[in-house]
Protein backbone atom coordinates (compact mmCIF):
# COMPACT_ATOMS: atom_id res chain seq x y z
CA MET A 1 124.38 126.29 101.57
CA LYS A 2 125.12 127.42 105.13
CA LEU A 3 126.93 123.76 105.52
CA LEU A 4 128.97 124.42 102.10
CA VAL A 5 130.10 127.61 103.20
CA ALA A 6 131.49 126.41 106.21
CA VAL A 7 133.62 123.41 105.35
CA LEU A 8 134.91 125.70 102.49
CA GLY A 9 136.39 127.79 104.93
CA ILE A 10 137.01 125.15 106.88
CA VAL A 11 139.28 123.33 104.38
CA LEU A 12 140.43 126.68 103.65
CA LYS A 13 141.98 126.85 106.86
CA LEU A 14 143.31 123.77 106.33
CA LEU A 15 145.13 124.19 103.36
CA GLU A 16 146.79 127.64 104.62
CA ASN A 17 150.67 127.33 105.37
CA SER A 18 152.82 129.00 107.21
CA SER A 19 154.90 131.13 104.93
CA MET A 20 150.91 131.90 103.38
CA ARG A 21 149.81 133.18 106.86
CA ILE A 22 153.68 135.57 107.20
CA TRP A 23 152.65 136.41 103.73
CA MET A 24 148.73 137.51 104.27
CA VAL A 25 150.17 139.67 107.21
CA GLY A 26 153.30 140.94 105.62
CA LYS A 27 150.33 142.01 102.17
CA VAL A 28 148.38 144.09 105.22
CA ARG A 29 150.73 145.75 106.75
CA ALA A 30 152.30 146.99 102.96
CA GLU A 31 148.73 148.17 102.75
CA GLU A 32 148.58 150.26 105.82
CA LEU A 33 152.60 151.49 104.51
CA LYS A 34 151.04 152.05 102.18
CA GLN A 35 148.31 154.13 102.48
CA ARG A 36 150.61 156.38 105.40
CA PHE A 37 153.42 157.19 103.09
CA ASP A 38 151.01 158.28 100.01
CA ALA A 39 149.00 161.32 102.68
CA ARG A 40 152.32 162.28 103.54
CA GLY A 41 153.56 162.42 100.65
CA LEU A 42 156.12 159.74 100.37
CA PHE A 43 156.47 158.62 97.39
CA GLY A 44 156.70 162.31 95.40
CA TRP A 45 160.15 161.77 96.53
CA ALA A 46 160.80 158.81 96.25
CA PRO A 47 158.48 156.74 94.00
CA ARG A 48 160.55 153.45 94.14
CA VAL A 49 158.89 152.72 98.23
CA ARG A 50 155.79 152.13 96.21
CA VAL A 51 157.14 149.38 93.92
CA TRP A 52 158.30 147.79 97.51
CA LEU A 53 155.88 147.58 98.87
CA GLU A 54 154.15 146.13 96.19
CA GLU A 55 156.37 143.29 95.53
CA ARG A 56 155.64 140.15 97.30
CA ASN A 57 159.05 139.30 98.23
CA PHE A 58 158.99 142.52 100.41
CA ALA A 59 155.85 141.77 101.89
CA PHE A 60 156.63 138.93 102.58
CA TYR A 61 159.62 140.40 104.63
CA LEU A 62 156.85 142.58 106.48
CA GLY A 63 154.94 139.45 107.37
CA ILE A 64 157.95 137.89 108.67
CA GLY A 65 158.79 141.38 110.53
CA GLU A 66 155.52 141.60 111.96
CA ILE A 67 155.19 138.10 113.58
CA TYR A 68 158.37 137.42 114.77
CA ALA A 69 158.57 141.14 116.24
CA VAL A 70 160.96 140.70 119.52
């Protein structure tokens, strides 16, 4: 069973490409922003921001900003 888990981990790593990595980083950043904005009550007066943070393209945009930030 341990061998199967190890092999599966290697296969998943090989299948991961740069765009998937950018999207995953952006998704993590979007979740962080969502929690921060929710705690500050931002969604009460700017509800559209929540929708943006849930969009896949916006998560990709955030991921590019995180990975290639200067």
